[in-house]
Amino acid sequence: MVKVTYEIVPHDGGWAYRFGGVYSEAFPTHAEAVEAARIVAAEQQVGGDDAEISYQDEKGRWHEEYTDGGDRPETEVVDGKNHFPPAENAPGA
């Protein structure tokens, strides 16, 4: 299973969550950044519908794959010393 970790970090004079080198918007407080990251983490755990996916690779070949809408990553929110659970009241969670 894939694990997605959102890290709370200082950013643009405030706080943000970061995943894979990409930053969220800046929040005025650490607590607001944590809450936003907890909501995003919870939304990542909401399953969707099964689907067929078609995509073209860098060599121009087309591929088709089946995706299970219930295959969701494990998520966590960290700030270097604390771990925060995903929000329970996130939309769709």
C-alpha atoms as a PDB file:
ATOM      1  CA  MET A   1       0.000   0.000   0.000  1.00  0.00           C
ATOM      2  CA  VAL A   2       1.181   3.497  -0.818  1.00  0.00           C
ATOM      3  CA  LYS A   3       1.753   5.897   2.070  1.00  0.00           C
ATOM      4  CA  VAL A   4       1.179   9.625   1.582  1.00  0.00           C
ATOM      5  CA  THR A   5       2.828  11.931   4.124  1.00  0.00           C
ATOM      6  CA  TYR A   6       1.948  15.610   4.395  1.00  0.00           C
ATOM      7  CA  GLU A   7       4.659  17.549   6.220  1.00  0.00           C
ATOM      8  CA  ILE A   8       3.905  20.836   8.004  1.00  0.00           C
ATOM      9  CA  VAL A   9       6.644  23.378   7.213  1.00  0.00           C
ATOM     10  CA  PRO A  10       7.293  27.136   7.370  1.00  0.00           C
ATOM     11  CA  HIS A  11       6.451  28.700   3.988  1.00  0.00           C
ATOM     12  CA  ASP A  12       6.071  32.241   2.614  1.00  0.00           C
ATOM     13  CA  GLY A  13       5.973  33.881   6.047  1.00  0.00           C
ATOM     14  CA  GLY A  14       3.442  31.395   7.398  1.00  0.00           C
ATOM     15  CA  TRP A  15       2.888  27.642   7.432  1.00  0.00           C
ATOM     16  CA  ALA A  16       2.025  25.133   4.727  1.00  0.00           C
ATOM     17  CA  TYR A  17       1.789  21.411   4.180  1.00  0.00           C
ATOM     18  CA  ARG A  18       4.148  19.823   1.675  1.00  0.00           C
ATOM     19  CA  PHE A  19       3.885  16.624  -0.310  1.00  0.00           C
ATOM     20  CA  GLY A  20       6.396  15.460  -2.888  1.00  0.00           C
ATOM     21  CA  GLY A  21       8.149  18.837  -2.942  1.00  0.00           C
ATOM     22  CA  VAL A  22       4.884  20.699  -3.653  1.00  0.00           C
ATOM     23  CA  TYR A  23       3.603  23.260  -1.139  1.00  0.00           C
ATOM     24  CA  SER A  24       0.035  24.134  -0.277  1.00  0.00           C
ATOM     25  CA  GLU A  25      -1.024  27.725   0.088  1.00  0.00           C
ATOM     26  CA  ALA A  26       0.495  29.506   3.102  1.00  0.00           C
ATOM     27  CA  PHE A  27      -1.595  29.613   6.278  1.00  0.00           C
ATOM     28  CA  PRO A  28      -1.116  32.254   8.995  1.00  0.00           C
ATOM     29  CA  THR A  29      -0.715  29.704  11.802  1.00  0.00           C
ATOM     30  CA  HIS A  30       0.730  26.256  12.332  1.00  0.00           C
ATOM     31  CA  ALA A  31      -2.653  25.050  13.614  1.00  0.00           C
ATOM     32  CA  GLU A  32      -4.442  26.154  10.420  1.00  0.00           C
ATOM     33  CA  ALA A  33      -1.877  24.354   8.245  1.00  0.00           C
ATOM     34  CA  VAL A  34      -2.263  21.195  10.346  1.00  0.00           C
ATOM     35  CA  GLU A  35      -6.061  21.297  10.045  1.00  0.00           C
ATOM     36  CA  ALA A  36      -5.900  21.849   6.265  1.00  0.00           C
ATOM     37  CA  ALA A  37      -3.475  18.938   5.887  1.00  0.00           C
ATOM     38  CA  ARG A  38      -5.673  16.696   8.071  1.00  0.00           C
ATOM     39  CA  ILE A  39      -8.659  17.453   5.808  1.00  0.00           C
ATOM     40  CA  VAL A  40      -6.663  16.708   2.647  1.00  0.00           C
ATOM     41  CA  ALA A  41      -5.330  13.484   4.228  1.00  0.00           C
ATOM     42  CA  ALA A  42      -8.865  12.358   5.071  1.00  0.00           C
ATOM     43  CA  GLU A  43     -10.090  13.144   1.547  1.00  0.00           C
ATOM     44  CA  GLN A  44      -7.298  10.936   0.133  1.00  0.00           C
ATOM     45  CA  GLN A  45      -8.823   7.989   1.968  1.00  0.00           C
ATOM     46  CA  VAL A  46     -12.279   8.325   0.384  1.00  0.00           C
ATOM     47  CA  GLY A  47     -12.771   5.656  -2.268  1.00  0.00           C
ATOM     48  CA  GLY A  48     -14.197   6.342  -5.667  1.00  0.00           C
ATOM     49  CA  ASP A  49     -15.645   4.320  -8.519  1.00  0.00           C
ATOM     50  CA  ASP A  50     -13.760   1.605 -10.363  1.00  0.00           C
ATOM     51  CA  ALA A  51     -12.622   2.886 -13.758  1.00  0.00           C
ATOM     52  CA  GLU A  52     -10.828   2.075 -16.977  1.00  0.00           C
ATOM     53  CA  ILE A  53      -7.945   4.476 -17.600  1.00  0.00           C
ATOM     54  CA  SER A  54      -6.424   5.132 -21.029  1.00  0.00           C
ATOM     55  CA  TYR A  55      -3.169   7.042 -21.384  1.00  0.00           C
ATOM     56  CA  GLN A  56      -0.429   7.656 -23.912  1.00  0.00           C
ATOM     57  CA  ASP A  57       3.193   7.094 -22.877  1.00  0.00           C
ATOM     58  CA  GLU A  58       6.224   9.163 -23.895  1.00  0.00           C
ATOM     59  CA  LYS A  59       6.757   6.923 -26.971  1.00  0.00           C
ATOM     60  CA  GLY A  60       3.229   7.547 -28.251  1.00  0.00           C
ATOM     61  CA  ARG A  61       1.845   4.126 -27.304  1.00  0.00           C
ATOM     62  CA  TRP A  62      -1.605   3.885 -25.780  1.00  0.00           C
ATOM     63  CA  HIS A  63      -2.252   1.830 -22.654  1.00  0.00           C
ATOM     64  CA  GLU A  64      -5.436   0.823 -20.860  1.00  0.00           C
ATOM     65  CA  GLU A  65      -5.594  -0.073 -17.190  1.00  0.00           C
ATOM     66  CA  TYR A  66      -8.278  -0.916 -14.683  1.00  0.00           C
ATOM     67  CA  THR A  67      -8.260   0.939 -11.376  1.00  0.00           C
ATOM     68  CA  ASP A  68     -10.028  -0.146  -8.218  1.00  0.00           C
ATOM     69  CA  GLY A  69     -11.748   2.909  -6.748  1.00  0.00           C
ATOM     70  CA  GLY A  70     -11.347   1.497  -3.234  1.00  0.00           C
ATOM     71  CA  ASP A  71      -7.545   1.262  -3.445  1.00  0.00           C
ATOM     72  CA  ARG A  72      -6.648   4.281  -1.330  1.00  0.00           C
ATOM     73  CA  PRO A  73      -3.303   5.251   0.208  1.00  0.00           C
ATOM     74  CA  GLU A  74      -2.496   5.339   3.894  1.00  0.00           C
ATOM     75  CA  THR A  75      -2.046   8.982   4.944  1.00  0.00           C
ATOM     76  CA  GLU A  76      -0.343  10.867   7.738  1.00  0.00           C
ATOM     77  CA  VAL A  77       0.364  14.463   8.727  1.00  0.00           C
ATOM     78  CA  VAL A  78       3.663  15.246  10.479  1.00  0.00           C
ATOM     79  CA  ASP A  79       5.561  18.342  11.533  1.00  0.00           C
ATOM     80  CA  GLY A  80       8.899  16.809  12.450  1.00  0.00           C
ATOM     81  CA  LYS A  81       7.943  15.871  16.004  1.00  0.00           C
ATOM     82  CA  ASN A  82       4.177  15.288  16.052  1.00  0.00           C
ATOM     83  CA  HIS A  83       1.863  13.039  14.055  1.00  0.00           C
ATOM     84  CA  PHE A  84      -1.722  14.153  13.460  1.00  0.00           C
ATOM     85  CA  PRO A  85      -4.575  11.841  12.399  1.00  0.00           C
ATOM     86  CA  PRO A  86      -6.677  12.669   9.314  1.00  0.00           C
ATOM     87  CA  ALA A  87      -9.707  14.857  10.087  1.00  0.00           C
ATOM     88  CA  GLU A  88     -12.887  12.909  10.753  1.00  0.00           C
ATOM     89  CA  ASN A  89     -15.150  15.672   9.476  1.00  0.00           C
ATOM     90  CA  ALA A  90     -13.580  16.072   6.033  1.00  0.00           C
ATOM     91  CA  PRO A  91     -16.018  16.205   3.094  1.00  0.00           C
ATOM     92  CA  GLY A  92     -16.707  12.660   1.960  1.00  0.00           C
ATOM     93  CA  ALA A  93     -14.777  11.079   4.836  1.00  0.00           C
END
